[in-house]
N, C-alpha and C. Protein backbone atom coordinates (compact mmCIF):
# COMPACT_ATOMS: atom_id res chain seq x y z
N MET A 1 -5.02 2.21 -16.59
CA MET A 1 -4.02 1.31 -16.05
C MET A 1 -3.95 1.43 -14.53
N PHE A 2 -4.09 2.66 -14.05
CA PHE A 2 -4.02 2.88 -12.61
C PHE A 2 -5.10 2.07 -11.89
N GLY A 3 -6.31 2.13 -12.39
CA GLY A 3 -7.41 1.38 -11.77
C GLY A 3 -7.23 -0.12 -11.85
N ILE A 4 -6.74 -0.60 -12.99
CA ILE A 4 -6.52 -2.04 -13.17
C ILE A 4 -5.45 -2.54 -12.21
N CYS A 5 -4.38 -1.77 -12.07
CA CYS A 5 -3.27 -2.21 -11.21
C CYS A 5 -3.60 -2.12 -9.73
N TRP A 6 -4.44 -1.17 -9.34
CA TRP A 6 -4.73 -1.00 -7.92
C TRP A 6 -6.00 -1.71 -7.45
N ALA A 7 -6.85 -2.16 -8.38
CA ALA A 7 -8.08 -2.84 -7.99
C ALA A 7 -7.83 -4.11 -7.16
N PRO A 8 -6.87 -4.98 -7.55
CA PRO A 8 -6.63 -6.16 -6.71
C PRO A 8 -6.15 -5.82 -5.30
N PHE A 9 -5.39 -4.74 -5.17
CA PHE A 9 -4.91 -4.32 -3.84
C PHE A 9 -6.10 -3.93 -2.96
N HIS A 10 -7.03 -3.15 -3.51
CA HIS A 10 -8.19 -2.74 -2.73
C HIS A 10 -9.12 -3.92 -2.45
N THR A 11 -9.22 -4.85 -3.39
CA THR A 11 -9.99 -6.06 -3.16
C THR A 11 -9.38 -6.86 -2.01
N ASP A 12 -8.07 -6.97 -2.01
CA ASP A 12 -7.33 -7.65 -0.95
C ASP A 12 -7.67 -7.04 0.41
N ARG A 13 -7.59 -5.71 0.51
CA ARG A 13 -7.86 -5.02 1.78
C ARG A 13 -9.31 -5.23 2.22
N LEU A 14 -10.24 -5.15 1.27
CA LEU A 14 -11.64 -5.36 1.63
C LEU A 14 -11.91 -6.79 2.08
N MET A 15 -11.33 -7.76 1.39
CA MET A 15 -11.51 -9.15 1.79
C MET A 15 -10.99 -9.38 3.20
N TRP A 16 -9.83 -8.81 3.50
CA TRP A 16 -9.24 -8.99 4.83
C TRP A 16 -10.12 -8.37 5.90
N SER A 17 -10.74 -7.24 5.57
CA SER A 17 -11.60 -6.54 6.53
C SER A 17 -12.87 -7.33 6.84
N PHE A 18 -13.40 -8.03 5.84
CA PHE A 18 -14.67 -8.71 6.02
C PHE A 18 -14.55 -10.21 6.31
N MET A 19 -13.35 -10.73 6.37
CA MET A 19 -13.20 -12.17 6.67
C MET A 19 -13.57 -12.44 8.12
N ASP A 20 -14.37 -13.48 8.32
CA ASP A 20 -14.82 -13.86 9.65
C ASP A 20 -14.03 -15.08 10.08
N GLN A 21 -13.28 -14.95 11.14
CA GLN A 21 -12.42 -16.03 11.62
C GLN A 21 -13.24 -17.23 12.13
N LYS A 22 -14.47 -17.01 12.54
CA LYS A 22 -15.28 -18.07 13.15
C LYS A 22 -16.15 -18.81 12.14
N SER A 23 -16.15 -18.35 10.89
CA SER A 23 -17.02 -18.94 9.87
C SER A 23 -16.53 -20.33 9.48
N SER A 24 -17.47 -21.21 9.17
CA SER A 24 -17.10 -22.55 8.72
C SER A 24 -16.53 -22.52 7.30
N GLU A 25 -16.88 -21.51 6.54
CA GLU A 25 -16.35 -21.36 5.18
C GLU A 25 -15.06 -20.56 5.17
N HIS A 26 -14.49 -20.37 6.31
CA HIS A 26 -13.28 -19.56 6.43
C HIS A 26 -12.14 -20.11 5.57
N LEU A 27 -11.98 -21.43 5.51
CA LEU A 27 -10.89 -22.00 4.72
C LEU A 27 -11.04 -21.70 3.23
N LYS A 28 -12.25 -21.82 2.72
CA LYS A 28 -12.47 -21.53 1.29
C LYS A 28 -12.18 -20.06 0.98
N ILE A 29 -12.70 -19.19 1.83
CA ILE A 29 -12.48 -17.75 1.62
C ILE A 29 -11.00 -17.42 1.78
N PHE A 30 -10.34 -18.05 2.74
CA PHE A 30 -8.93 -17.77 2.96
C PHE A 30 -8.09 -18.23 1.77
N GLN A 31 -8.45 -19.35 1.14
CA GLN A 31 -7.73 -19.81 -0.05
C GLN A 31 -7.88 -18.81 -1.20
N VAL A 32 -9.08 -18.30 -1.38
CA VAL A 32 -9.30 -17.27 -2.40
C VAL A 32 -8.50 -16.02 -2.04
N TYR A 33 -8.52 -15.66 -0.76
CA TYR A 33 -7.78 -14.48 -0.30
C TYR A 33 -6.28 -14.62 -0.59
N GLU A 34 -5.73 -15.81 -0.40
CA GLU A 34 -4.30 -16.01 -0.67
C GLU A 34 -3.96 -15.72 -2.13
N TYR A 35 -4.80 -16.16 -3.05
CA TYR A 35 -4.58 -15.88 -4.47
C TYR A 35 -4.71 -14.38 -4.76
N VAL A 36 -5.74 -13.78 -4.21
CA VAL A 36 -5.95 -12.34 -4.42
C VAL A 36 -4.76 -11.56 -3.85
N HIS A 37 -4.24 -11.99 -2.71
CA HIS A 37 -3.11 -11.31 -2.08
C HIS A 37 -1.86 -11.36 -2.97
N VAL A 38 -1.57 -12.50 -3.55
CA VAL A 38 -0.42 -12.64 -4.44
C VAL A 38 -0.61 -11.79 -5.69
N ILE A 39 -1.80 -11.87 -6.28
CA ILE A 39 -2.08 -11.09 -7.49
C ILE A 39 -2.00 -9.60 -7.20
N SER A 40 -2.52 -9.18 -6.03
CA SER A 40 -2.47 -7.75 -5.70
C SER A 40 -1.03 -7.28 -5.54
N GLY A 41 -0.16 -8.11 -4.98
CA GLY A 41 1.26 -7.75 -4.86
C GLY A 41 1.93 -7.59 -6.21
N VAL A 42 1.63 -8.50 -7.13
CA VAL A 42 2.21 -8.43 -8.48
C VAL A 42 1.74 -7.16 -9.18
N PHE A 43 0.44 -6.87 -9.14
CA PHE A 43 -0.09 -5.69 -9.80
C PHE A 43 0.36 -4.39 -9.12
N PHE A 44 0.56 -4.45 -7.81
CA PHE A 44 1.05 -3.29 -7.07
C PHE A 44 2.42 -2.87 -7.61
N TYR A 45 3.32 -3.83 -7.79
CA TYR A 45 4.65 -3.51 -8.32
C TYR A 45 4.61 -3.27 -9.83
N LEU A 46 3.69 -3.90 -10.52
CA LEU A 46 3.54 -3.67 -11.95
C LEU A 46 3.16 -2.22 -12.23
N SER A 47 2.34 -1.64 -11.37
CA SER A 47 1.96 -0.24 -11.56
C SER A 47 3.19 0.67 -11.49
N SER A 48 4.14 0.35 -10.64
CA SER A 48 5.38 1.14 -10.56
C SER A 48 6.21 0.99 -11.82
N ALA A 49 6.18 -0.16 -12.43
CA ALA A 49 6.95 -0.38 -13.65
C ALA A 49 6.26 0.24 -14.86
N ILE A 50 4.95 0.29 -14.85
CA ILE A 50 4.20 0.82 -15.99
C ILE A 50 4.19 2.35 -16.01
N ASN A 51 4.21 2.99 -14.84
CA ASN A 51 4.12 4.45 -14.79
C ASN A 51 5.15 5.16 -15.66
N PRO A 52 6.45 4.85 -15.59
CA PRO A 52 7.40 5.55 -16.46
C PRO A 52 7.13 5.33 -17.94
N ILE A 53 6.65 4.16 -18.30
CA ILE A 53 6.34 3.88 -19.70
C ILE A 53 5.18 4.74 -20.17
N LEU A 54 4.14 4.82 -19.35
CA LEU A 54 2.98 5.65 -19.70
C LEU A 54 3.35 7.13 -19.76
N TYR A 55 4.15 7.59 -18.79
CA TYR A 55 4.60 8.98 -18.81
C TYR A 55 5.41 9.26 -20.08
N ASN A 56 6.26 8.33 -20.47
CA ASN A 56 7.06 8.49 -21.67
C ASN A 56 6.17 8.63 -22.91
N LEU A 57 5.13 7.83 -22.97
CA LEU A 57 4.23 7.87 -24.12
C LEU A 57 3.39 9.15 -24.17
N MET A 58 3.07 9.69 -23.00
CA MET A 58 2.11 10.78 -22.95
C MET A 58 2.72 12.16 -22.72
N SER A 59 3.96 12.25 -22.27
CA SER A 59 4.48 13.55 -21.88
C SER A 59 5.81 13.86 -22.56
N THR A 60 5.83 14.94 -23.30
CA THR A 60 7.06 15.40 -23.94
C THR A 60 8.04 15.88 -22.89
N ARG A 61 7.55 16.58 -21.89
CA ARG A 61 8.43 17.08 -20.82
C ARG A 61 9.11 15.93 -20.10
N PHE A 62 8.37 14.85 -19.82
CA PHE A 62 8.97 13.70 -19.13
C PHE A 62 10.10 13.11 -19.98
N ARG A 63 9.86 12.95 -21.28
CA ARG A 63 10.90 12.40 -22.17
C ARG A 63 12.14 13.28 -22.17
N GLU A 64 11.94 14.60 -22.26
CA GLU A 64 13.07 15.52 -22.29
C GLU A 64 13.87 15.46 -20.99
N MET A 65 13.18 15.49 -19.87
CA MET A 65 13.87 15.45 -18.58
C MET A 65 14.54 14.10 -18.34
N PHE A 66 13.90 13.02 -18.76
CA PHE A 66 14.49 11.70 -18.61
C PHE A 66 15.79 11.61 -19.40
N LYS A 67 15.76 12.09 -20.64
CA LYS A 67 16.98 12.09 -21.46
C LYS A 67 18.06 12.94 -20.83
N GLU A 68 17.66 14.09 -20.30
CA GLU A 68 18.65 14.98 -19.67
C GLU A 68 19.29 14.32 -18.45
N VAL A 69 18.50 13.67 -17.64
CA VAL A 69 19.03 13.03 -16.44
C VAL A 69 19.88 11.81 -16.79
N MET A 70 19.41 10.99 -17.73
CA MET A 70 20.12 9.76 -18.06
C MET A 70 21.35 9.98 -18.94
N CYS A 71 21.36 11.03 -19.72
CA CYS A 71 22.46 11.26 -20.66
C CYS A 71 23.44 12.31 -20.15
N HIS A 72 23.22 12.84 -18.97
CA HIS A 72 24.09 13.88 -18.43
C HIS A 72 25.33 13.24 -17.81
N HIS A 73 26.50 13.67 -18.26
CA HIS A 73 27.76 13.15 -17.73
C HIS A 73 28.46 14.23 -16.94
N LYS A 74 29.08 13.88 -15.82
CA LYS A 74 29.77 14.86 -14.98
C LYS A 74 30.94 15.51 -15.71
N TRP A 75 31.62 14.75 -16.54
CA TRP A 75 32.80 15.28 -17.20
C TRP A 75 32.47 16.07 -18.46
N HIS A 76 31.23 16.02 -18.89
CA HIS A 76 30.85 16.71 -20.11
C HIS A 76 29.49 17.39 -19.88
N PRO A 77 29.49 18.54 -19.18
CA PRO A 77 28.21 19.18 -18.88
C PRO A 77 27.52 19.68 -20.15
N VAL A 78 26.23 19.44 -20.21
CA VAL A 78 25.44 19.84 -21.35
C VAL A 78 24.58 21.03 -20.94
N PRO A 79 24.69 22.16 -21.65
CA PRO A 79 23.84 23.29 -21.29
C PRO A 79 22.37 22.96 -21.52
N ARG A 80 21.55 23.39 -20.63
CA ARG A 80 20.12 23.09 -20.72
C ARG A 80 19.48 23.98 -21.77
N LYS A 81 18.80 23.37 -22.68
CA LYS A 81 18.12 24.13 -23.72
C LYS A 81 16.65 24.30 -23.34
N ARG A 82 16.06 25.34 -23.82
CA ARG A 82 14.64 25.58 -23.57
C ARG A 82 13.85 24.90 -24.67
N SER A 83 12.99 24.05 -24.29
CA SER A 83 12.19 23.34 -25.27
C SER A 83 10.84 24.01 -25.44
N LEU A 84 10.15 23.62 -26.47
CA LEU A 84 8.83 24.16 -26.74
C LEU A 84 7.86 23.83 -25.61
N SER A 85 7.95 22.60 -25.08
CA SER A 85 7.02 22.21 -24.02
C SER A 85 7.29 23.00 -22.75
N MET A 86 8.57 23.30 -22.44
CA MET A 86 8.90 24.08 -21.25
C MET A 86 8.40 25.52 -21.44
N THR A 87 8.52 26.05 -22.64
CA THR A 87 8.07 27.41 -22.92
C THR A 87 6.56 27.51 -22.76
N ARG A 88 5.83 26.52 -23.27
CA ARG A 88 4.38 26.51 -23.15
C ARG A 88 3.94 26.51 -21.70
N VAL A 89 4.59 25.69 -20.88
CA VAL A 89 4.22 25.60 -19.47
C VAL A 89 4.51 26.92 -18.78
N THR A 90 5.66 27.53 -19.07
CA THR A 90 6.02 28.79 -18.45
C THR A 90 5.03 29.88 -18.83
N VAL A 91 4.68 29.98 -20.09
CA VAL A 91 3.74 30.99 -20.55
C VAL A 91 2.38 30.76 -19.92
N ARG A 92 1.94 29.50 -19.89
CA ARG A 92 0.63 29.17 -19.33
C ARG A 92 0.58 29.51 -17.85
N SER A 93 1.63 29.19 -17.08
CA SER A 93 1.63 29.47 -15.64
C SER A 93 1.71 30.97 -15.39
N THR A 94 2.42 31.71 -16.24
CA THR A 94 2.54 33.15 -16.09
C THR A 94 1.19 33.83 -16.37
N LEU A 95 0.50 33.35 -17.40
CA LEU A 95 -0.78 33.94 -17.74
C LEU A 95 -1.86 33.66 -16.69
N SER A 96 -1.78 32.52 -16.05
CA SER A 96 -2.81 32.17 -15.07
C SER A 96 -2.64 32.91 -13.76
N GLU A 97 -1.47 33.46 -13.51
CA GLU A 97 -1.25 34.21 -12.26
C GLU A 97 -1.79 35.56 -12.44
């Protein structure tokens, strides 16, 4: 998804770099560039919207932290519990040191 969402942005930048202002075909290329520019903007922001969804699908830690942040109320503090995924990360980081 990362490559798909960022490819139009990089295409946009490359097209802008190689456009020749003096070319007779400048208008045709510029019209194509305008479409690529709009599409790259849409995909650029789409990548920001897709990232949390992908993280949710792929990461248990992200889901746990997201729930903790979104469901935490100031008037009703919830004690933080140690989850299996947090324990695994702690053990793994301790062993690698």
